[in-house]
PDB file of all heavy atoms in Angstrom:
ATOM      1  N   GLU A   1       0.810  -1.228   0.000  1.00  0.00           N
ATOM      2  CA  GLU A   1       0.000   0.000   0.000  1.00  0.00           C
ATOM      3  C   GLU A   1       0.839   1.273   0.000  1.00  0.00           C
ATOM      4  O   GLU A   1       0.525   2.251   0.648  1.00  0.00           O
ATOM      5  CB  GLU A   1      -0.964   0.012   1.193  1.00  0.00           C
ATOM      6  CG  GLU A   1      -1.948  -1.137   1.190  1.00  0.00           C
ATOM      7  CD  GLU A   1      -2.718  -1.247  -0.108  1.00  0.00           C
ATOM      8  OE1 GLU A   1      -3.058  -0.202  -0.697  1.00  0.00           O
ATOM      9  OE2 GLU A   1      -2.958  -2.381  -0.564  1.00  0.00           O
ATOM     10  N   GLY A   2       1.916   1.239  -0.775  1.00  0.00           N
ATOM     11  CA  GLY A   2       2.780   2.404  -0.897  1.00  0.00           C
ATOM     12  C   GLY A   2       4.008   2.285  -0.026  1.00  0.00           C
ATOM     13  O   GLY A   2       3.912   2.022   1.172  1.00  0.00           O
ATOM     14  N   THR A   3       5.176   2.489  -0.621  1.00  0.00           N
ATOM     15  CA  THR A   3       6.422   2.401   0.137  1.00  0.00           C
ATOM     16  C   THR A   3       6.506   3.547   1.142  1.00  0.00           C
ATOM     17  O   THR A   3       5.781   4.534   1.065  1.00  0.00           O
ATOM     18  CB  THR A   3       7.632   2.484  -0.800  1.00  0.00           C
ATOM     19  OG1 THR A   3       7.623   3.768  -1.455  1.00  0.00           O
ATOM     20  CG2 THR A   3       7.595   1.385  -1.845  1.00  0.00           C
ATOM     21  N   THR A   4       7.436   3.408   2.071  1.00  0.00           N
ATOM     22  CA  THR A   4       7.616   4.452   3.080  1.00  0.00           C
ATOM     23  C   THR A   4       7.964   5.786   2.425  1.00  0.00           C
ATOM     24  O   THR A   4       7.492   6.847   2.860  1.00  0.00           O
ATOM     25  CB  THR A   4       8.718   4.041   4.073  1.00  0.00           C
ATOM     26  OG1 THR A   4       8.367   2.765   4.636  1.00  0.00           O
ATOM     27  CG2 THR A   4       8.866   5.054   5.186  1.00  0.00           C
ATOM     28  N   GLY A   5       8.781   5.746   1.380  1.00  0.00           N
ATOM     29  CA  GLY A   5       9.126   6.972   0.683  1.00  0.00           C
ATOM     30  C   GLY A   5       7.919   7.677   0.103  1.00  0.00           C
ATOM     31  O   GLY A   5       7.802   8.909   0.161  1.00  0.00           O
ATOM     32  N   ILE A   6       7.004   6.913  -0.455  1.00  0.00           N
ATOM     33  CA  ILE A   6       5.778   7.486  -1.015  1.00  0.00           C
ATOM     34  C   ILE A   6       4.945   8.139   0.081  1.00  0.00           C
ATOM     35  O   ILE A   6       4.385   9.231  -0.097  1.00  0.00           O
ATOM     36  CB  ILE A   6       4.972   6.399  -1.748  1.00  0.00           C
ATOM     37  CG1 ILE A   6       5.667   6.046  -3.070  1.00  0.00           C
ATOM     38  CG2 ILE A   6       3.531   6.847  -2.001  1.00  0.00           C
ATOM     39  CD1 ILE A   6       5.049   4.878  -3.805  1.00  0.00           C
ATOM     40  N   HIS A   7       4.883   7.502   1.235  1.00  0.00           N
ATOM     41  CA  HIS A   7       4.085   8.062   2.328  1.00  0.00           C
ATOM     42  C   HIS A   7       4.751   9.287   2.950  1.00  0.00           C
ATOM     43  O   HIS A   7       4.060  10.178   3.463  1.00  0.00           O
ATOM     44  CB  HIS A   7       3.789   6.990   3.369  1.00  0.00           C
ATOM     45  CG  HIS A   7       2.754   6.023   2.914  1.00  0.00           C
ATOM     46  ND1 HIS A   7       1.429   6.363   2.795  1.00  0.00           N
ATOM     47  CD2 HIS A   7       2.842   4.729   2.496  1.00  0.00           C
ATOM     48  CE1 HIS A   7       0.741   5.329   2.343  1.00  0.00           C
ATOM     49  NE2 HIS A   7       1.576   4.326   2.151  1.00  0.00           N
ATOM     50  N   GLY A   8       6.087   9.331   2.901  1.00  0.00           N
ATOM     51  CA  GLY A   8       6.766  10.541   3.335  1.00  0.00           C
ATOM     52  C   GLY A   8       6.401  11.724   2.456  1.00  0.00           C
ATOM     53  O   GLY A   8       6.101  12.824   2.945  1.00  0.00           O
ATOM     54  N   ILE A   9       6.390  11.512   1.147  1.00  0.00           N
ATOM     55  CA  ILE A   9       5.998  12.548   0.201  1.00  0.00           C
ATOM     56  C   ILE A   9       4.538  12.925   0.404  1.00  0.00           C
ATOM     57  O   ILE A   9       4.165  14.104   0.338  1.00  0.00           O
ATOM     58  CB  ILE A   9       6.253  12.074  -1.240  1.00  0.00           C
ATOM     59  CG1 ILE A   9       7.757  11.947  -1.489  1.00  0.00           C
ATOM     60  CG2 ILE A   9       5.618  13.013  -2.257  1.00  0.00           C
ATOM     61  CD1 ILE A   9       8.111  11.283  -2.806  1.00  0.00           C
ATOM     62  N   ASP A  10       3.696  11.930   0.660  1.00  0.00           N
ATOM     63  CA  ASP A  10       2.271  12.182   0.883  1.00  0.00           C
ATOM     64  C   ASP A  10       2.071  13.062   2.113  1.00  0.00           C
ATOM     65  O   ASP A  10       1.312  14.040   2.087  1.00  0.00           O
ATOM     66  CB  ASP A  10       1.541  10.853   1.049  1.00  0.00           C
ATOM     67  CG  ASP A  10       0.048  11.029   1.275  1.00  0.00           C
ATOM     68  OD1 ASP A  10      -0.555  11.872   0.583  1.00  0.00           O
ATOM     69  OD2 ASP A  10      -0.510  10.338   2.134  1.00  0.00           O
ATOM     70  N   LEU A  11       2.777  12.740   3.199  1.00  0.00           N
ATOM     71  CA  LEU A  11       2.614  13.506   4.442  1.00  0.00           C
ATOM     72  C   LEU A  11       3.119  14.933   4.282  1.00  0.00           C
ATOM     73  O   LEU A  11       2.396  15.901   4.551  1.00  0.00           O
ATOM     74  CB  LEU A  11       3.360  12.816   5.587  1.00  0.00           C
ATOM     75  CG  LEU A  11       3.340  13.564   6.928  1.00  0.00           C
ATOM     76  CD1 LEU A  11       1.931  13.634   7.495  1.00  0.00           C
ATOM     77  CD2 LEU A  11       4.284  12.898   7.936  1.00  0.00           C
ATOM     78  N   LEU A  12       4.366  15.073   3.850  1.00  0.00           N
ATOM     79  CA  LEU A  12       4.981  16.398   3.785  1.00  0.00           C
ATOM     80  C   LEU A  12       4.476  17.203   2.593  1.00  0.00           C
ATOM     81  O   LEU A  12       4.271  18.414   2.702  1.00  0.00           O
ATOM     82  CB  LEU A  12       6.504  16.254   3.726  1.00  0.00           C
ATOM     83  CG  LEU A  12       7.310  17.552   3.721  1.00  0.00           C
ATOM     84  CD1 LEU A  12       6.999  18.392   4.949  1.00  0.00           C
ATOM     85  CD2 LEU A  12       8.805  17.243   3.648  1.00  0.00           C
ATOM     86  N   GLY A  13       4.270  16.525   1.462  1.00  0.00           N
ATOM     87  CA  GLY A  13       3.903  17.241   0.247  1.00  0.00           C
ATOM     88  C   GLY A  13       2.435  17.548   0.102  1.00  0.00           C
ATOM     89  O   GLY A  13       2.053  18.464  -0.637  1.00  0.00           O
ATOM     90  N   ARG A  14       1.566  16.788   0.823  1.00  0.00           N
ATOM     91  CA  ARG A  14       0.126  16.981   0.656  1.00  0.00           C
ATOM     92  C   ARG A  14      -0.621  17.136   1.975  1.00  0.00           C
ATOM     93  O   ARG A  14      -1.386  18.084   2.155  1.00  0.00           O
ATOM     94  CB  ARG A  14      -0.479  15.804  -0.134  1.00  0.00           C
ATOM     95  CG  ARG A  14      -0.095  15.808  -1.599  1.00  0.00           C
ATOM     96  CD  ARG A  14      -0.874  14.754  -2.381  1.00  0.00           C
ATOM     97  NE  ARG A  14      -0.311  13.419  -2.215  1.00  0.00           N
ATOM     98  CZ  ARG A  14       0.670  12.925  -2.967  1.00  0.00           C
ATOM     99  NH1 ARG A  14       1.201  13.653  -3.916  1.00  0.00           N
ATOM    100  NH2 ARG A  14       1.119  11.707  -2.777  1.00  0.00           N
ATOM    101  N   LYS A  15      -0.412  16.211   2.889  1.00  0.00           N
ATOM    102  CA  LYS A  15      -1.256  16.161   4.075  1.00  0.00           C
ATOM    103  C   LYS A  15      -1.018  17.344   5.028  1.00  0.00           C
ATOM    104  O   LYS A  15      -1.961  17.842   5.652  1.00  0.00           O
ATOM    105  CB  LYS A  15      -1.036  14.837   4.819  1.00  0.00           C
ATOM    106  CG  LYS A  15      -1.399  13.601   3.992  1.00  0.00           C
ATOM    107  CD  LYS A  15      -2.870  13.588   3.634  1.00  0.00           C
ATOM    108  CE  LYS A  15      -3.251  12.435   2.731  1.00  0.00           C
ATOM    109  NZ  LYS A  15      -3.039  11.113   3.326  1.00  0.00           N
ATOM    110  N   ILE A  16       0.221  17.790   5.145  1.00  0.00           N
ATOM    111  CA  ILE A  16       0.530  18.895   6.060  1.00  0.00           C
ATOM    112  C   ILE A  16      -0.171  20.182   5.638  1.00  0.00           C
ATOM    113  O   ILE A  16      -0.631  20.964   6.482  1.00  0.00           O
ATOM    114  CB  ILE A  16       2.058  19.118   6.135  1.00  0.00           C
ATOM    115  CG1 ILE A  16       2.742  17.948   6.857  1.00  0.00           C
ATOM    116  CG2 ILE A  16       2.382  20.435   6.828  1.00  0.00           C
ATOM    117  CD1 ILE A  16       2.349  17.801   8.300  1.00  0.00           C
ATOM    118  N   ILE A  17      -0.281  20.394   4.327  1.00  0.00           N
ATOM    119  CA  ILE A  17      -0.823  21.671   3.847  1.00  0.00           C
ATOM    120  C   ILE A  17      -2.302  21.602   3.490  1.00  0.00           C
ATOM    121  O   ILE A  17      -2.911  22.636   3.193  1.00  0.00           O
ATOM    122  CB  ILE A  17      -0.035  22.169   2.617  1.00  0.00           C
ATOM    123  CG1 ILE A  17      -0.106  21.142   1.480  1.00  0.00           C
ATOM    124  CG2 ILE A  17       1.413  22.451   2.999  1.00  0.00           C
ATOM    125  CD1 ILE A  17       0.545  21.607   0.191  1.00  0.00           C
ATOM    126  N   MET A  18      -2.915  20.409   3.526  1.00  0.00           N
ATOM    127  CA  MET A  18      -4.305  20.317   3.099  1.00  0.00           C
ATOM    128  C   MET A  18      -5.206  21.124   4.038  1.00  0.00           C
ATOM    129  O   MET A  18      -4.968  21.215   5.240  1.00  0.00           O
ATOM    130  CB  MET A  18      -4.758  18.852   3.037  1.00  0.00           C
ATOM    131  CG  MET A  18      -4.841  18.135   4.343  1.00  0.00           C
ATOM    132  SD  MET A  18      -5.356  16.409   4.119  1.00  0.00           S
ATOM    133  CE  MET A  18      -5.320  15.855   5.825  1.00  0.00           C
ATOM    134  N   GLY A  19      -6.211  21.715   3.435  1.00  0.00           N
ATOM    135  CA  GLY A  19      -7.134  22.529   4.215  1.00  0.00           C
ATOM    136  C   GLY A  19      -6.473  23.724   4.861  1.00  0.00           C
ATOM    137  O   GLY A  19      -6.910  24.189   5.920  1.00  0.00           O
ATOM    138  N   GLY A  20      -5.391  24.209   4.233  1.00  0.00           N
ATOM    139  CA  GLY A  20      -4.688  25.344   4.815  1.00  0.00           C
ATOM    140  C   GLY A  20      -3.949  24.996   6.094  1.00  0.00           C
ATOM    141  O   GLY A  20      -3.669  25.867   6.925  1.00  0.00           O
ATOM    142  N   GLY A  21      -3.613  23.720   6.261  1.00  0.00           N
ATOM    143  CA  GLY A  21      -2.894  23.283   7.456  1.00  0.00           C
ATOM    144  C   GLY A  21      -3.783  22.978   8.638  1.00  0.00           C
ATOM    145  O   GLY A  21      -3.300  22.775   9.761  1.00  0.00           O
ATOM    146  N   ILE A  22      -5.092  22.877   8.408  1.00  0.00           N
ATOM    147  CA  ILE A  22      -6.028  22.685   9.517  1.00  0.00           C
ATOM    148  C   ILE A  22      -5.828  21.346  10.222  1.00  0.00           C
ATOM    149  O   ILE A  22      -5.942  21.247  11.447  1.00  0.00           O
ATOM    150  CB  ILE A  22      -7.489  22.835   9.027  1.00  0.00           C
ATOM    151  CG1 ILE A  22      -8.456  22.801  10.219  1.00  0.00           C
ATOM    152  CG2 ILE A  22      -7.853  21.750   8.011  1.00  0.00           C
ATOM    153  CD1 ILE A  22      -9.888  23.110   9.833  1.00  0.00           C
ATOM    154  N   ALA A  23      -5.484  20.308   9.462  1.00  0.00           N
ATOM    155  CA  ALA A  23      -5.302  18.991  10.075  1.00  0.00           C
ATOM    156  C   ALA A  23      -4.059  18.974  10.961  1.00  0.00           C
ATOM    157  O   ALA A  23      -4.067  18.406  12.058  1.00  0.00           O
ATOM    158  CB  ALA A  23      -5.205  17.914   9.004  1.00  0.00           C
ATOM    159  N   PHE A  24      -2.986  19.601  10.481  1.00  0.00           N
ATOM    160  CA  PHE A  24      -1.760  19.653  11.283  1.00  0.00           C
ATOM    161  C   PHE A  24      -1.995  20.429  12.575  1.00  0.00           C
ATOM    162  O   PHE A  24      -1.532  20.035  13.649  1.00  0.00           O
ATOM    163  CB  PHE A  24      -0.630  20.282  10.476  1.00  0.00           C
ATOM    164  CG  PHE A  24       0.692  20.318  11.203  1.00  0.00           C
ATOM    165  CD1 PHE A  24       1.383  19.145  11.480  1.00  0.00           C
ATOM    166  CD2 PHE A  24       1.238  21.520  11.631  1.00  0.00           C
ATOM    167  CE1 PHE A  24       2.600  19.167  12.155  1.00  0.00           C
ATOM    168  CE2 PHE A  24       2.440  21.566  12.308  1.00  0.00           C
ATOM    169  CZ  PHE A  24       3.130  20.387  12.568  1.00  0.00           C
ATOM    170  N   ARG A  25      -2.743  21.520  12.481  1.00  0.00           N
ATOM    171  CA  ARG A  25      -3.057  22.289  13.685  1.00  0.00           C
ATOM    172  C   ARG A  25      -3.918  21.470  14.641  1.00  0.00           C
ATOM    173  O   ARG A  25      -3.725  21.518  15.865  1.00  0.00           O
ATOM    174  CB  ARG A  25      -3.767  23.596  13.311  1.00  0.00           C
ATOM    175  CG  ARG A  25      -2.862  24.618  12.656  1.00  0.00           C
ATOM    176  CD  ARG A  25      -3.515  25.991  12.628  1.00  0.00           C
ATOM    177  NE  ARG A  25      -4.741  26.013  11.850  1.00  0.00           N
ATOM    178  CZ  ARG A  25      -4.783  26.213  10.531  1.00  0.00           C
ATOM    179  NH1 ARG A  25      -3.655  26.389   9.847  1.00  0.00           N
ATOM    180  NH2 ARG A  25      -5.938  26.245   9.888  1.00  0.00           N
ATOM    181  N   ALA A  26      -4.870  20.720  14.084  1.00  0.00           N
ATOM    182  CA  ALA A  26      -5.725  19.885  14.931  1.00  0.00           C
ATOM    183  C   ALA A  26      -4.895  18.823  15.650  1.00  0.00           C
ATOM    184  O   ALA A  26      -5.119  18.543  16.841  1.00  0.00           O
ATOM    185  CB  ALA A  26      -6.811  19.226  14.088  1.00  0.00           C
ATOM    186  N   PHE A  27      -3.933  18.242  14.938  1.00  0.00           N
ATOM    187  CA  PHE A  27      -3.058  17.243  15.558  1.00  0.00           C
ATOM    188  C   PHE A  27      -2.251  17.854  16.693  1.00  0.00           C
ATOM    189  O   PHE A  27      -2.189  17.304  17.807  1.00  0.00           O
ATOM    190  CB  PHE A  27      -2.121  16.646  14.508  1.00  0.00           C
ATOM    191  CG  PHE A  27      -0.967  15.871  15.084  1.00  0.00           C
ATOM    192  CD1 PHE A  27      -1.159  14.607  15.618  1.00  0.00           C
ATOM    193  CD2 PHE A  27       0.312  16.424  15.116  1.00  0.00           C
ATOM    194  CE1 PHE A  27      -0.091  13.896  16.169  1.00  0.00           C
ATOM    195  CE2 PHE A  27       1.373  15.726  15.664  1.00  0.00           C
ATOM    196  CZ  PHE A  27       1.171  14.464  16.190  1.00  0.00           C
ATOM    197  N   THR A  28      -1.624  18.992  16.445  1.00  0.00           N
ATOM    198  CA  THR A  28      -0.803  19.609  17.492  1.00  0.00           C
ATOM    199  C   THR A  28      -1.653  20.034  18.686  1.00  0.00           C
ATOM    200  O   THR A  28      -1.195  19.969  19.837  1.00  0.00           O
ATOM    201  CB  THR A  28      -0.033  20.818  16.931  1.00  0.00           C
ATOM    202  OG1 THR A  28      -0.947  21.780  16.394  1.00  0.00           O
ATOM    203  CG2 THR A  28       0.937  20.388  15.846  1.00  0.00           C
ATOM    204  N   GLU A  29      -2.889  20.436  18.432  1.00  0.00           N
ATOM    205  CA  GLU A  29      -3.787  20.793  19.527  1.00  0.00           C
ATOM    206  C   GLU A  29      -4.143  19.572  20.368  1.00  0.00           C
ATOM    207  O   GLU A  29      -4.244  19.658  21.599  1.00  0.00           O
ATOM    208  CB  GLU A  29      -5.057  21.446  18.980  1.00  0.00           C
ATOM    209  CG  GLU A  29      -4.834  22.865  18.473  1.00  0.00           C
ATOM    210  CD  GLU A  29      -6.038  23.421  17.736  1.00  0.00           C
ATOM    211  OE1 GLU A  29      -7.089  22.726  17.718  1.00  0.00           O
ATOM    212  OE2 GLU A  29      -5.934  24.520  17.172  1.00  0.00           O
ATOM    213  N   GLU A  30      -4.334  18.419  19.727  1.00  0.00           N
ATOM    214  CA  GLU A  30      -4.627  17.192  20.464  1.00  0.00           C
ATOM    215  C   GLU A  30      -3.452  16.792  21.359  1.00  0.00           C
ATOM    216  O   GLU A  30      -3.630  16.404  22.518  1.00  0.00           O
ATOM    217  CB  GLU A  30      -4.937  16.058  19.477  1.00  0.00           C
ATOM    218  CG  GLU A  30      -6.320  16.113  18.883  1.00  0.00           C
ATOM    219  CD  GLU A  30      -7.381  15.693  19.877  1.00  0.00           C
ATOM    220  OE1 GLU A  30      -7.490  14.498  20.185  1.00  0.00           O
ATOM    221  OE2 GLU A  30      -8.093  16.593  20.378  1.00  0.00           O
ATOM    222  N   VAL A  31      -2.240  16.876  20.806  1.00  0.00           N
ATOM    223  CA  VAL A  31      -1.054  16.548  21.597  1.00  0.00           C
ATOM    224  C   VAL A  31      -0.907  17.538  22.754  1.00  0.00           C
ATOM    225  O   VAL A  31      -0.632  17.141  23.895  1.00  0.00           O
ATOM    226  CB  VAL A  31       0.206  16.553  20.713  1.00  0.00           C
ATOM    227  CG1 VAL A  31       1.439  16.211  21.555  1.00  0.00           C
ATOM    228  CG2 VAL A  31       0.069  15.544  19.566  1.00  0.00           C
ATOM    229  N   SER A  32      -1.105  18.818  22.463  1.00  0.00           N
ATOM    230  CA  SER A  32      -0.989  19.856  23.503  1.00  0.00           C
ATOM    231  C   SER A  32      -2.025  19.653  24.601  1.00  0.00           C
ATOM    232  O   SER A  32      -1.755  19.905  25.789  1.00  0.00           O
ATOM    233  CB  SER A  32      -1.146  21.242  22.879  1.00  0.00           C
ATOM    234  OG  SER A  32      -0.097  21.503  21.956  1.00  0.00           O
ATOM    235  N   LYS A  33      -3.213  19.178  24.221  1.00  0.00           N
ATOM    236  CA  LYS A  33      -4.256  18.913  25.212  1.00  0.00           C
ATOM    237  C   LYS A  33      -3.804  17.827  26.193  1.00  0.00           C
ATOM    238  O   LYS A  33      -4.033  17.930  27.409  1.00  0.00           O
ATOM    239  CB  LYS A  33      -5.542  18.480  24.510  1.00  0.00           C
ATOM    240  CG  LYS A  33      -6.752  18.373  25.423  1.00  0.00           C
ATOM    241  CD  LYS A  33      -7.905  17.633  24.766  1.00  0.00           C
ATOM    242  CE  LYS A  33      -8.258  18.188  23.413  1.00  0.00           C
ATOM    243  NZ  LYS A  33      -9.393  17.461  22.780  1.00  0.00           N
ATOM    244  N   THR A  34      -3.147  16.792  25.678  1.00  0.00           N
ATOM    245  CA  THR A  34      -2.637  15.722  26.543  1.00  0.00           C
ATOM    246  C   THR A  34      -1.548  16.249  27.463  1.00  0.00           C
ATOM    247  O   THR A  34      -1.509  15.927  28.661  1.00  0.00           O
ATOM    248  CB  THR A  34      -2.095  14.564  25.685  1.00  0.00           C
ATOM    249  OG1 THR A  34      -3.121  14.096  24.805  1.00  0.00           O
ATOM    250  CG2 THR A  34      -1.612  13.415  26.551  1.00  0.00           C
ATOM    251  N   ILE A  35      -0.657  17.075  26.912  1.00  0.00           N
ATOM    252  CA  ILE A  35       0.424  17.662  27.710  1.00  0.00           C
ATOM    253  C   ILE A  35      -0.150  18.540  28.822  1.00  0.00           C
ATOM    254  O   ILE A  35       0.307  18.490  29.973  1.00  0.00           O
ATOM    255  CB  ILE A  35       1.369  18.475  26.802  1.00  0.00           C
ATOM    256  CG1 ILE A  35       2.089  17.534  25.808  1.00  0.00           C
ATOM    257  CG2 ILE A  35       2.383  19.255  27.626  1.00  0.00           C
ATOM    258  CD1 ILE A  35       2.839  18.261  24.712  1.00  0.00           C
ATOM    259  N   LYS A  36      -1.160  19.315  28.494  1.00  0.00           N
ATOM    260  CA  LYS A  36      -1.789  20.200  29.479  1.00  0.00           C
ATOM    261  C   LYS A  36      -2.467  19.392  30.587  1.00  0.00           C
ATOM    262  O   LYS A  36      -2.389  19.739  31.772  1.00  0.00           O
ATOM    263  CB  LYS A  36      -2.815  21.099  28.788  1.00  0.00           C
ATOM    264  CG  LYS A  36      -3.447  22.125  29.708  1.00  0.00           C
ATOM    265  CD  LYS A  36      -4.389  23.045  28.936  1.00  0.00           C
ATOM    266  CE  LYS A  36      -5.013  24.093  29.858  1.00  0.00           C
ATOM    267  NZ  LYS A  36      -5.943  24.985  29.108  1.00  0.00           N
ATOM    268  N   LYS A  37      -3.113  18.293  30.212  1.00  0.00           N
ATOM    269  CA  LYS A  37      -3.788  17.443  31.205  1.00  0.00           C
ATOM    270  C   LYS A  37      -2.775  16.887  32.200  1.00  0.00           C
ATOM    271  O   LYS A  37      -3.031  16.864  33.420  1.00  0.00           O
ATOM    272  CB  LYS A  37      -4.512  16.294  30.498  1.00  0.00           C
ATOM    273  CG  LYS A  37      -5.297  15.376  31.430  1.00  0.00           C
ATOM    274  CD  LYS A  37      -6.029  14.296  30.657  1.00  0.00           C
ATOM    275  CE  LYS A  37      -6.803  13.366  31.568  1.00  0.00           C
ATOM    276  NZ  LYS A  37      -7.907  14.038  32.276  1.00  0.00           N
ATOM    277  N   VAL A  38      -1.628  16.462  31.698  1.00  0.00           N
ATOM    278  CA  VAL A  38      -0.574  15.949  32.576  1.00  0.00           C
ATOM    279  C   VAL A  38      -0.096  17.042  33.528  1.00  0.00           C
ATOM    280  O   VAL A  38       0.077  16.816  34.734  1.00  0.00           O
ATOM    281  CB  VAL A  38       0.595  15.418  31.712  1.00  0.00           C
ATOM    282  CG1 VAL A  38       1.852  15.280  32.552  1.00  0.00           C
ATOM    283  CG2 VAL A  38       0.232  14.075  31.097  1.00  0.00           C
ATOM    284  N   LYS A  39       0.115  18.218  32.987  1.00  0.00           N
ATOM    285  CA  LYS A  39       0.641  19.334  33.784  1.00  0.00           C
ATOM    286  C   LYS A  39      -0.310  19.731  34.913  1.00  0.00           C
ATOM    287  O   LYS A  39       0.121  20.076  36.023  1.00  0.00           O
ATOM    288  CB  LYS A  39       0.901  20.523  32.866  1.00  0.00           C
ATOM    289  CG  LYS A  39       1.543  21.717  33.552  1.00  0.00           C
ATOM    290  CD  LYS A  39       1.832  22.827  32.555  1.00  0.00           C
ATOM    291  CE  LYS A  39       2.488  24.024  33.238  1.00  0.00           C
ATOM    292  NZ  LYS A  39       2.762  25.119  32.276  1.00  0.00           N
ATOM    293  N   LEU A  40      -1.607  19.649  34.637  1.00  0.00           N
ATOM    294  CA  LEU A  40      -2.591  20.116  35.607  1.00  0.00           C
ATOM    295  C   LEU A  40      -3.095  19.025  36.541  1.00  0.00           C
ATOM    296  O   LEU A  40      -3.445  19.303  37.689  1.00  0.00           O
ATOM    297  CB  LEU A  40      -3.788  20.740  34.870  1.00  0.00           C
ATOM    298  CG  LEU A  40      -3.502  22.013  34.072  1.00  0.00           C
ATOM    299  CD1 LEU A  40      -4.760  22.460  33.349  1.00  0.00           C
ATOM    300  CD2 LEU A  40      -2.974  23.122  34.972  1.00  0.00           C
ATOM    301  N   GLU A  41      -3.136  17.775  36.047  1.00  0.00           N
ATOM    302  CA  GLU A  41      -3.830  16.734  36.800  1.00  0.00           C
ATOM    303  C   GLU A  41      -2.957  15.567  37.245  1.00  0.00           C
ATOM    304  O   GLU A  41      -3.301  14.874  38.204  1.00  0.00           O
ATOM    305  CB  GLU A  41      -5.008  16.196  35.966  1.00  0.00           C
ATOM    306  CG  GLU A  41      -6.031  17.259  35.589  1.00  0.00           C
ATOM    307  CD  GLU A  41      -7.142  16.690  34.726  1.00  0.00           C
ATOM    308  OE1 GLU A  41      -7.391  15.467  34.793  1.00  0.00           O
ATOM    309  OE2 GLU A  41      -7.755  17.460  33.974  1.00  0.00           O
ATOM    310  N   VAL A  42      -1.863  15.303  36.539  1.00  0.00           N
ATOM    311  CA  VAL A  42      -1.025  14.144  36.877  1.00  0.00           C
ATOM    312  C   VAL A  42       0.419  14.619  36.967  1.00  0.00           C
ATOM    313  O   VAL A  42       1.226  14.413  36.061  1.00  0.00           O
ATOM    314  CB  VAL A  42      -1.161  13.018  35.823  1.00  0.00           C
ATOM    315  CG1 VAL A  42      -0.590  11.709  36.373  1.00  0.00           C
ATOM    316  CG2 VAL A  42      -2.605  12.817  35.405  1.00  0.00           C
ATOM    317  N   LEU A  43       0.742  15.274  38.048  1.00  0.00           N
ATOM    318  CA  LEU A  43       2.025  15.963  38.173  1.00  0.00           C
ATOM    319  C   LEU A  43       3.220  15.009  38.079  1.00  0.00           C
ATOM    320  O   LEU A  43       4.304  15.410  37.670  1.00  0.00           O
ATOM    321  CB  LEU A  43       2.071  16.731  39.498  1.00  0.00           C
ATOM    322  CG  LEU A  43       1.036  17.858  39.653  1.00  0.00           C
ATOM    323  CD1 LEU A  43       1.209  18.545  41.005  1.00  0.00           C
ATOM    324  CD2 LEU A  43       1.154  18.860  38.517  1.00  0.00           C
TER     325      LEU A  43
END
């Protein structure tokens, strides 16, 4: 289902910029939400 090289091009060349970068921002927000939960609730 596509070599690793093809998926690297897919991620960097297409997926990062799709929707004006909305998906990448959503991903970073999800990760940041987990980091914030740890900081506030699980010291």
